[in-house]
Amino acid sequence: MSGVKKVTDLAAKAGKAIDWDGMAKMLVSEEARKEFANLRRTFEDVNHQLQTKYSQEPQPIDWEYYRKGIGAKVVDMYKQAYDSIEIPKFVDTVTPEYKPKFDALVVELKEAEKTSLKESERIDKEIAELREMKKKMSTMTADEYFEKHPELKKKFDEEIRNDYWGY
């Protein structure tokens, strides 16, 4: 398998492994959504080019055809130059260096997501309680309020007992 074919196969696998929709759900700002859409579009364009344009092996050169039309001496000179070209092999030194960092960031992101969801649930619950209190505020008695907030009742009782009236 050639190097180009390997790269295109890996790019295709990487594209399938990315949870684009899951990542998109985590974005909150409109600007972040636009940047994410641009990133996704660019990735898909590059991946498409790798799959189509660069995944094919080049056609072998028909040297005999050119020998007949141009002449053996000139074609042999070009063939020798062509055969002497050595394309360096790509050695990926970046991925091994950054993959652990990326994996650590993914773990950190998932932890932050869990924390954020817990905080969101707490805030939703608090909002529901505040809305309920707002509805009942005009008819609520002190006893009903203190029933929901026993720590405040304890604080006020303590202040009254100690003859502290806030000044």
N, C-alpha and C. Protein backbone atom coordinates (compact mmCIF):
# COMPACT_ATOMS: atom_id res chain seq x y z
N MET A 1 0.85 -1.18 0.00
CA MET A 1 0.00 0.00 0.00
C MET A 1 0.90 1.24 0.00
N SER A 2 0.61 2.16 -0.88
CA SER A 2 1.45 3.36 -0.97
C SER A 2 1.16 4.32 0.18
N GLY A 3 2.08 5.26 0.36
CA GLY A 3 1.93 6.25 1.43
C GLY A 3 0.70 7.11 1.26
N VAL A 4 0.41 7.49 0.01
CA VAL A 4 -0.76 8.34 -0.26
C VAL A 4 -2.04 7.57 0.08
N LYS A 5 -2.08 6.32 -0.30
CA LYS A 5 -3.27 5.50 -0.02
C LYS A 5 -3.48 5.34 1.48
N LYS A 6 -2.37 5.15 2.22
CA LYS A 6 -2.47 5.04 3.67
C LYS A 6 -3.05 6.30 4.28
N VAL A 7 -2.56 7.45 3.83
CA VAL A 7 -3.04 8.74 4.36
C VAL A 7 -4.52 8.91 4.08
N THR A 8 -4.95 8.58 2.87
CA THR A 8 -6.37 8.75 2.54
C THR A 8 -7.24 7.81 3.36
N ASP A 9 -6.76 6.58 3.57
CA ASP A 9 -7.53 5.63 4.39
C ASP A 9 -7.64 6.11 5.83
N LEU A 10 -6.52 6.61 6.37
CA LEU A 10 -6.53 7.12 7.74
C LEU A 10 -7.44 8.34 7.87
N ALA A 11 -7.40 9.23 6.87
CA ALA A 11 -8.27 10.41 6.91
C ALA A 11 -9.73 10.01 6.87
N ALA A 12 -10.06 9.00 6.09
CA ALA A 12 -11.45 8.54 6.02
C ALA A 12 -11.88 7.97 7.37
N LYS A 13 -11.02 7.17 8.00
CA LYS A 13 -11.35 6.60 9.31
C LYS A 13 -11.49 7.70 10.35
N ALA A 14 -10.59 8.69 10.31
CA ALA A 14 -10.66 9.79 11.27
C ALA A 14 -11.97 10.56 11.11
N GLY A 15 -12.37 10.80 9.87
CA GLY A 15 -13.61 11.52 9.63
C GLY A 15 -14.83 10.80 10.17
N LYS A 16 -14.81 9.47 10.09
CA LYS A 16 -15.93 8.69 10.61
C LYS A 16 -15.93 8.65 12.14
N ALA A 17 -14.74 8.74 12.73
CA ALA A 17 -14.62 8.63 14.19
C ALA A 17 -14.99 9.93 14.91
N ILE A 18 -15.03 11.03 14.20
CA ILE A 18 -15.31 12.33 14.83
C ILE A 18 -16.81 12.47 15.06
N ASP A 19 -17.18 12.79 16.28
CA ASP A 19 -18.59 13.01 16.62
C ASP A 19 -18.90 14.50 16.45
N TRP A 20 -19.11 14.90 15.20
CA TRP A 20 -19.34 16.31 14.88
C TRP A 20 -20.58 16.84 15.58
N ASP A 21 -21.67 16.07 15.55
CA ASP A 21 -22.92 16.53 16.16
C ASP A 21 -22.79 16.65 17.67
N GLY A 22 -22.10 15.69 18.28
CA GLY A 22 -21.89 15.75 19.73
C GLY A 22 -21.08 16.96 20.13
N MET A 23 -20.05 17.27 19.34
CA MET A 23 -19.23 18.45 19.65
C MET A 23 -20.03 19.73 19.42
N ALA A 24 -20.85 19.75 18.38
CA ALA A 24 -21.64 20.95 18.08
C ALA A 24 -22.60 21.28 19.20
N LYS A 25 -23.12 20.26 19.89
CA LYS A 25 -24.07 20.49 20.99
C LYS A 25 -23.42 21.19 22.18
N MET A 26 -22.10 21.08 22.29
CA MET A 26 -21.40 21.67 23.42
C MET A 26 -21.13 23.16 23.24
N LEU A 27 -21.29 23.65 22.02
CA LEU A 27 -20.97 25.05 21.75
C LEU A 27 -22.11 25.95 22.21
N VAL A 28 -21.76 27.07 22.82
CA VAL A 28 -22.79 27.96 23.34
C VAL A 28 -22.92 29.26 22.55
N SER A 29 -21.82 29.80 22.07
CA SER A 29 -21.91 31.10 21.38
C SER A 29 -22.10 30.89 19.88
N GLU A 30 -22.73 31.87 19.26
CA GLU A 30 -22.97 31.83 17.83
C GLU A 30 -21.65 31.87 17.06
N GLU A 31 -20.70 32.64 17.56
CA GLU A 31 -19.38 32.74 16.91
C GLU A 31 -18.67 31.39 16.93
N ALA A 32 -18.76 30.69 18.05
CA ALA A 32 -18.14 29.36 18.16
C ALA A 32 -18.81 28.40 17.17
N ARG A 33 -20.12 28.50 17.01
CA ARG A 33 -20.83 27.62 16.07
C ARG A 33 -20.36 27.88 14.64
N LYS A 34 -20.17 29.17 14.29
CA LYS A 34 -19.71 29.50 12.93
C LYS A 34 -18.30 28.96 12.70
N GLU A 35 -17.41 29.16 13.66
CA GLU A 35 -16.04 28.66 13.54
C GLU A 35 -16.03 27.14 13.43
N PHE A 36 -16.87 26.49 14.22
CA PHE A 36 -16.95 25.03 14.19
C PHE A 36 -17.46 24.56 12.83
N ALA A 37 -18.45 25.25 12.28
CA ALA A 37 -18.98 24.88 10.95
C ALA A 37 -17.90 25.04 9.89
N ASN A 38 -17.10 26.12 9.99
CA ASN A 38 -16.00 26.32 9.05
C ASN A 38 -14.97 25.21 9.17
N LEU A 39 -14.64 24.83 10.39
CA LEU A 39 -13.69 23.74 10.62
C LEU A 39 -14.20 22.44 10.02
N ARG A 40 -15.46 22.15 10.25
CA ARG A 40 -16.04 20.91 9.73
C ARG A 40 -16.04 20.91 8.20
N ARG A 41 -16.44 22.02 7.61
CA ARG A 41 -16.48 22.13 6.15
C ARG A 41 -15.09 21.96 5.56
N THR A 42 -14.10 22.61 6.17
CA THR A 42 -12.72 22.49 5.69
C THR A 42 -12.23 21.06 5.81
N PHE A 43 -12.50 20.43 6.94
CA PHE A 43 -12.09 19.04 7.13
C PHE A 43 -12.71 18.15 6.06
N GLU A 44 -13.99 18.34 5.82
CA GLU A 44 -14.67 17.49 4.84
C GLU A 44 -14.17 17.75 3.42
N ASP A 45 -13.83 19.02 3.10
CA ASP A 45 -13.27 19.33 1.78
C ASP A 45 -11.92 18.64 1.59
N VAL A 46 -11.06 18.77 2.60
CA VAL A 46 -9.74 18.15 2.51
C VAL A 46 -9.88 16.63 2.43
N ASN A 47 -10.74 16.07 3.24
CA ASN A 47 -10.95 14.63 3.24
C ASN A 47 -11.47 14.17 1.87
N HIS A 48 -12.39 14.94 1.29
CA HIS A 48 -12.93 14.60 -0.03
C HIS A 48 -11.82 14.61 -1.08
N GLN A 49 -10.97 15.64 -1.03
CA GLN A 49 -9.86 15.71 -1.99
C GLN A 49 -8.90 14.54 -1.81
N LEU A 50 -8.64 14.18 -0.55
CA LEU A 50 -7.77 13.03 -0.31
C LEU A 50 -8.38 11.76 -0.87
N GLN A 51 -9.70 11.62 -0.72
CA GLN A 51 -10.37 10.41 -1.18
C GLN A 51 -10.45 10.33 -2.71
N THR A 52 -10.53 11.47 -3.36
CA THR A 52 -10.71 11.44 -4.81
C THR A 52 -9.40 11.75 -5.54
N LYS A 53 -8.96 12.96 -5.41
CA LYS A 53 -7.84 13.45 -6.20
C LYS A 53 -6.51 12.76 -5.86
N TYR A 54 -6.22 12.61 -4.59
CA TYR A 54 -4.89 12.14 -4.19
C TYR A 54 -4.84 10.67 -3.83
N SER A 55 -5.96 9.98 -3.88
CA SER A 55 -5.94 8.57 -3.50
C SER A 55 -5.53 7.67 -4.66
N GLN A 56 -5.53 8.21 -5.86
CA GLN A 56 -5.21 7.39 -7.02
C GLN A 56 -3.71 7.38 -7.27
N GLU A 57 -3.24 6.22 -7.66
CA GLU A 57 -1.83 6.09 -8.01
C GLU A 57 -1.63 6.75 -9.38
N PRO A 58 -0.49 7.42 -9.59
CA PRO A 58 -0.26 8.03 -10.90
C PRO A 58 -0.10 6.95 -11.97
N GLN A 59 -0.53 7.30 -13.17
CA GLN A 59 -0.40 6.37 -14.30
C GLN A 59 1.09 6.19 -14.63
N PRO A 60 1.51 4.97 -14.89
CA PRO A 60 2.93 4.79 -15.25
C PRO A 60 3.21 5.47 -16.59
N ILE A 61 4.41 5.97 -16.71
CA ILE A 61 4.80 6.68 -17.94
C ILE A 61 5.14 5.65 -19.01
N ASP A 62 4.58 5.87 -20.19
CA ASP A 62 4.86 5.00 -21.34
C ASP A 62 6.09 5.55 -22.06
N TRP A 63 7.26 5.12 -21.61
CA TRP A 63 8.51 5.67 -22.15
C TRP A 63 8.68 5.32 -23.64
N GLU A 64 8.20 4.15 -24.03
CA GLU A 64 8.35 3.73 -25.44
C GLU A 64 7.57 4.65 -26.37
N TYR A 65 6.43 5.08 -25.94
CA TYR A 65 5.61 6.00 -26.75
C TYR A 65 6.39 7.29 -27.03
N TYR A 66 7.04 7.82 -25.98
CA TYR A 66 7.80 9.07 -26.13
C TYR A 66 9.09 8.85 -26.92
N ARG A 67 9.68 7.66 -26.79
CA ARG A 67 10.91 7.38 -27.57
C ARG A 67 10.61 7.45 -29.06
N LYS A 68 9.45 6.93 -29.45
CA LYS A 68 9.08 6.93 -30.87
C LYS A 68 8.85 8.35 -31.38
N GLY A 69 8.23 9.18 -30.56
CA GLY A 69 7.87 10.52 -31.02
C GLY A 69 8.97 11.54 -30.85
N ILE A 70 9.78 11.44 -29.80
CA ILE A 70 10.78 12.48 -29.51
C ILE A 70 12.19 12.01 -29.84
N GLY A 71 12.46 10.80 -29.52
CA GLY A 71 13.81 10.27 -29.75
C GLY A 71 14.33 9.64 -28.47
N ALA A 72 15.07 8.56 -28.64
CA ALA A 72 15.52 7.75 -27.51
C ALA A 72 16.47 8.51 -26.60
N LYS A 73 17.35 9.30 -27.15
CA LYS A 73 18.38 9.96 -26.34
C LYS A 73 17.76 10.93 -25.33
N VAL A 74 16.87 11.77 -25.78
CA VAL A 74 16.25 12.76 -24.90
C VAL A 74 15.35 12.06 -23.87
N VAL A 75 14.59 11.06 -24.32
CA VAL A 75 13.67 10.35 -23.42
C VAL A 75 14.47 9.58 -22.37
N ASP A 76 15.59 8.95 -22.78
CA ASP A 76 16.41 8.22 -21.82
C ASP A 76 16.99 9.16 -20.77
N MET A 77 17.34 10.36 -21.18
CA MET A 77 17.85 11.35 -20.24
C MET A 77 16.75 11.70 -19.20
N TYR A 78 15.54 11.92 -19.67
CA TYR A 78 14.43 12.24 -18.75
C TYR A 78 14.08 11.03 -17.87
N LYS A 79 14.11 9.82 -18.47
CA LYS A 79 13.80 8.61 -17.70
C LYS A 79 14.82 8.41 -16.59
N GLN A 80 16.09 8.65 -16.91
CA GLN A 80 17.14 8.50 -15.89
C GLN A 80 16.93 9.52 -14.76
N ALA A 81 16.61 10.76 -15.12
CA ALA A 81 16.36 11.80 -14.11
C ALA A 81 15.12 11.44 -13.28
N TYR A 82 14.09 10.93 -13.96
CA TYR A 82 12.85 10.55 -13.26
C TYR A 82 13.10 9.41 -12.29
N ASP A 83 13.84 8.42 -12.73
CA ASP A 83 14.13 7.26 -11.89
C ASP A 83 15.04 7.61 -10.71
N SER A 84 15.84 8.66 -10.84
CA SER A 84 16.77 9.01 -9.76
C SER A 84 16.10 9.85 -8.66
N ILE A 85 14.89 10.29 -8.92
CA ILE A 85 14.19 11.09 -7.91
C ILE A 85 13.80 10.19 -6.75
N GLU A 86 14.16 10.61 -5.55
CA GLU A 86 13.76 9.87 -4.36
C GLU A 86 12.82 10.76 -3.55
N ILE A 87 11.62 10.30 -3.41
CA ILE A 87 10.64 11.06 -2.63
C ILE A 87 10.81 10.65 -1.18
N PRO A 88 11.09 11.63 -0.32
CA PRO A 88 11.31 11.27 1.09
C PRO A 88 10.04 10.74 1.73
N LYS A 89 10.23 9.79 2.60
CA LYS A 89 9.10 9.22 3.34
C LYS A 89 8.70 10.19 4.45
N PHE A 90 7.42 10.35 4.63
CA PHE A 90 6.92 11.22 5.68
C PHE A 90 7.00 10.50 7.01
N VAL A 91 7.66 11.12 7.96
CA VAL A 91 7.74 10.57 9.31
C VAL A 91 6.99 11.52 10.23
N ASP A 92 5.93 11.01 10.80
CA ASP A 92 5.08 11.82 11.67
C ASP A 92 5.69 11.90 13.07
N THR A 93 6.25 13.06 13.37
CA THR A 93 6.81 13.27 14.72
C THR A 93 5.87 14.12 15.57
N VAL A 94 4.86 14.70 14.94
CA VAL A 94 3.96 15.60 15.64
C VAL A 94 2.87 14.84 16.40
N THR A 95 2.25 13.87 15.74
CA THR A 95 1.14 13.14 16.37
C THR A 95 1.53 12.48 17.68
N PRO A 96 2.66 11.75 17.74
CA PRO A 96 3.02 11.14 19.02
C PRO A 96 3.22 12.17 20.14
N GLU A 97 3.67 13.35 19.76
CA GLU A 97 3.92 14.39 20.75
C GLU A 97 2.61 15.00 21.27
N TYR A 98 1.66 15.21 20.38
CA TYR A 98 0.44 15.93 20.77
C TYR A 98 -0.75 15.03 21.08
N LYS A 99 -0.72 13.78 20.68
CA LYS A 99 -1.86 12.89 20.95
C LYS A 99 -2.14 12.75 22.44
N PRO A 100 -1.13 12.52 23.30
CA PRO A 100 -1.44 12.44 24.74
C PRO A 100 -2.03 13.74 25.28
N LYS A 101 -1.53 14.87 24.79
CA LYS A 101 -2.07 16.16 25.23
C LYS A 101 -3.53 16.30 24.79
N PHE A 102 -3.81 15.90 23.56
CA PHE A 102 -5.17 15.98 23.04
C PHE A 102 -6.10 15.06 23.83
N ASP A 103 -5.64 13.83 24.08
CA ASP A 103 -6.45 12.88 24.85
C ASP A 103 -6.73 13.40 26.25
N ALA A 104 -5.73 14.04 26.86
CA ALA A 104 -5.92 14.62 28.20
C ALA A 104 -6.95 15.75 28.14
N LEU A 105 -6.90 16.54 27.08
CA LEU A 105 -7.88 17.63 26.93
C LEU A 105 -9.29 17.08 26.74
N VAL A 106 -9.42 15.97 26.03
CA VAL A 106 -10.74 15.36 25.83
C VAL A 106 -11.29 14.89 27.17
N VAL A 107 -10.44 14.26 27.99
CA VAL A 107 -10.87 13.81 29.32
C VAL A 107 -11.28 15.01 30.16
N GLU A 108 -10.47 16.07 30.11
CA GLU A 108 -10.78 17.29 30.87
C GLU A 108 -12.09 17.90 30.38
N LEU A 109 -12.30 17.89 29.07
CA LEU A 109 -13.53 18.43 28.49
C LEU A 109 -14.75 17.64 28.97
N LYS A 110 -14.63 16.32 29.01
CA LYS A 110 -15.75 15.50 29.46
C LYS A 110 -16.06 15.75 30.94
N GLU A 111 -15.02 15.92 31.75
CA GLU A 111 -15.23 16.24 33.16
C GLU A 111 -15.90 17.60 33.30
N ALA A 112 -15.43 18.57 32.50
CA ALA A 112 -16.03 19.91 32.54
C ALA A 112 -17.49 19.85 32.09
N GLU A 113 -17.77 18.99 31.12
CA GLU A 113 -19.15 18.83 30.65
C GLU A 113 -20.04 18.27 31.76
N LYS A 114 -19.54 17.26 32.48
CA LYS A 114 -20.31 16.67 33.58
C LYS A 114 -20.58 17.72 34.66
N THR A 115 -19.53 18.48 35.01
CA THR A 115 -19.68 19.52 36.02
C THR A 115 -20.68 20.57 35.56
N SER A 116 -20.58 20.94 34.30
CA SER A 116 -21.49 21.94 33.74
C SER A 116 -22.93 21.45 33.76
N LEU A 117 -23.14 20.19 33.42
CA LEU A 117 -24.50 19.65 33.43
C LEU A 117 -25.07 19.61 34.84
N LYS A 118 -24.24 19.24 35.82
CA LYS A 118 -24.71 19.24 37.21
C LYS A 118 -25.07 20.65 37.66
N GLU A 119 -24.22 21.61 37.31
CA GLU A 119 -24.47 23.00 37.68
C GLU A 119 -25.73 23.50 36.98
N SER A 120 -25.90 23.12 35.74
CA SER A 120 -27.09 23.52 34.98
C SER A 120 -28.36 22.97 35.64
N GLU A 121 -28.31 21.71 36.09
CA GLU A 121 -29.46 21.12 36.78
C GLU A 121 -29.76 21.87 38.08
N ARG A 122 -28.70 22.20 38.81
CA ARG A 122 -28.87 22.94 40.07
C ARG A 122 -29.51 24.30 39.81
N ILE A 123 -29.03 24.98 38.78
CA ILE A 123 -29.55 26.31 38.44
C ILE A 123 -31.00 26.21 37.99
N ASP A 124 -31.32 25.20 37.18
CA ASP A 124 -32.71 25.01 36.74
C ASP A 124 -33.64 24.80 37.93
N LYS A 125 -33.17 24.00 38.89
CA LYS A 125 -33.96 23.74 40.10
C LYS A 125 -34.14 25.04 40.88
N GLU A 126 -33.08 25.82 41.01
CA GLU A 126 -33.15 27.09 41.74
C GLU A 126 -34.10 28.06 41.04
N ILE A 127 -34.06 28.10 39.72
CA ILE A 127 -34.96 28.97 38.97
C ILE A 127 -36.41 28.56 39.19
N ALA A 128 -36.67 27.25 39.17
CA ALA A 128 -38.03 26.77 39.41
C ALA A 128 -38.52 27.17 40.79
N GLU A 129 -37.62 27.05 41.79
CA GLU A 129 -37.99 27.45 43.16
C GLU A 129 -38.27 28.96 43.23
N LEU A 130 -37.45 29.76 42.56
CA LEU A 130 -37.66 31.21 42.56
C LEU A 130 -38.96 31.60 41.86
N ARG A 131 -39.28 30.91 40.78
CA ARG A 131 -40.53 31.20 40.08
C ARG A 131 -41.73 30.86 40.98
N GLU A 132 -41.62 29.74 41.67
CA GLU A 132 -42.69 29.35 42.59
C GLU A 132 -42.84 30.38 43.71
N MET A 133 -41.70 30.83 44.23
CA MET A 133 -41.74 31.81 45.32
C MET A 133 -42.31 33.14 44.81
N LYS A 134 -41.96 33.50 43.57
CA LYS A 134 -42.47 34.76 43.01
C LYS A 134 -44.00 34.72 42.91
N LYS A 135 -44.54 33.56 42.53
CA LYS A 135 -46.00 33.42 42.43
C LYS A 135 -46.66 33.58 43.80
N LYS A 136 -46.02 33.01 44.82
CA LYS A 136 -46.62 32.99 46.15
C LYS A 136 -46.23 34.19 47.01
N MET A 137 -45.33 35.04 46.55
CA MET A 137 -44.76 36.10 47.37
C MET A 137 -45.82 37.01 48.00
N SER A 138 -46.83 37.38 47.24
CA SER A 138 -47.81 38.32 47.77
C SER A 138 -48.71 37.71 48.85
N THR A 139 -48.83 36.38 48.86
CA THR A 139 -49.71 35.74 49.83
C THR A 139 -48.95 34.91 50.86
N MET A 140 -47.63 34.83 50.73
CA MET A 140 -46.82 33.99 51.61
C MET A 140 -46.67 34.62 53.00
N THR A 141 -46.80 33.79 54.00
CA THR A 141 -46.57 34.25 55.38
C THR A 141 -45.11 34.01 55.75
N ALA A 142 -44.68 34.64 56.84
CA ALA A 142 -43.32 34.45 57.32
C ALA A 142 -43.08 32.99 57.69
N ASP A 143 -44.07 32.36 58.29
CA ASP A 143 -43.92 30.96 58.66
C ASP A 143 -43.71 30.07 57.43
N GLU A 144 -44.43 30.34 56.34
CA GLU A 144 -44.25 29.56 55.11
C GLU A 144 -42.85 29.78 54.54
N TYR A 145 -42.39 31.03 54.58
CA TYR A 145 -41.04 31.34 54.07
C TYR A 145 -39.99 30.63 54.93
N PHE A 146 -40.13 30.72 56.25
CA PHE A 146 -39.16 30.10 57.15
C PHE A 146 -39.19 28.57 57.05
N GLU A 147 -40.33 28.03 56.65
CA GLU A 147 -40.42 26.59 56.47
C GLU A 147 -39.50 26.14 55.33
N LYS A 148 -39.41 26.97 54.29
CA LYS A 148 -38.53 26.66 53.16
C LYS A 148 -37.07 27.01 53.47
N HIS A 149 -36.85 27.97 54.37
CA HIS A 149 -35.50 28.43 54.70
C HIS A 149 -35.28 28.39 56.22
N PRO A 150 -35.13 27.19 56.79
CA PRO A 150 -35.00 27.07 58.25
C PRO A 150 -33.73 27.74 58.79
N GLU A 151 -32.71 27.85 57.96
CA GLU A 151 -31.47 28.50 58.42
C GLU A 151 -31.70 29.99 58.72
N LEU A 152 -32.56 30.64 57.95
CA LEU A 152 -32.87 32.05 58.22
C LEU A 152 -33.70 32.20 59.49
N LYS A 153 -34.64 31.27 59.69
CA LYS A 153 -35.43 31.32 60.92
C LYS A 153 -34.52 31.19 62.14
N LYS A 154 -33.59 30.27 62.06
CA LYS A 154 -32.65 30.06 63.16
C LYS A 154 -31.83 31.33 63.41
N LYS A 155 -31.38 31.96 62.30
CA LYS A 155 -30.58 33.19 62.42
C LYS A 155 -31.40 34.30 63.08
N PHE A 156 -32.64 34.50 62.62
CA PHE A 156 -33.49 35.56 63.20
C PHE A 156 -33.83 35.28 64.67
N ASP A 157 -34.15 34.03 64.97
CA ASP A 157 -34.45 33.67 66.36
C ASP A 157 -33.24 33.95 67.25
N GLU A 158 -32.05 33.63 66.75
CA GLU A 158 -30.81 33.86 67.50
C GLU A 158 -30.61 35.37 67.74
N GLU A 159 -30.84 36.18 66.71
CA GLU A 159 -30.68 37.63 66.85
C GLU A 159 -31.68 38.21 67.86
N ILE A 160 -32.92 37.74 67.82
CA ILE A 160 -33.94 38.23 68.75
C ILE A 160 -33.57 37.81 70.18
N ARG A 161 -33.12 36.56 70.31
CA ARG A 161 -32.74 36.05 71.64
C ARG A 161 -31.59 36.89 72.22
N ASN A 162 -30.66 37.32 71.38
CA ASN A 162 -29.50 38.09 71.83
C ASN A 162 -29.77 39.59 71.83
N ASP A 163 -31.02 39.95 71.58
CA ASP A 163 -31.44 41.33 71.57
C ASP A 163 -30.64 42.16 70.54
N TYR A 164 -30.36 41.54 69.38
CA TYR A 164 -29.67 42.23 68.28
C TYR A 164 -30.70 42.54 67.21
N TRP A 165 -30.95 43.82 66.93
CA TRP A 165 -31.99 44.23 66.01
C TRP A 165 -31.43 44.81 64.72
N GLY A 166 -30.17 44.48 64.39
CA GLY A 166 -29.59 44.90 63.12
C GLY A 166 -28.94 46.25 63.11
N TYR A 167 -28.80 46.90 64.28
CA TYR A 167 -28.11 48.19 64.32
C TYR A 167 -27.32 48.31 65.56
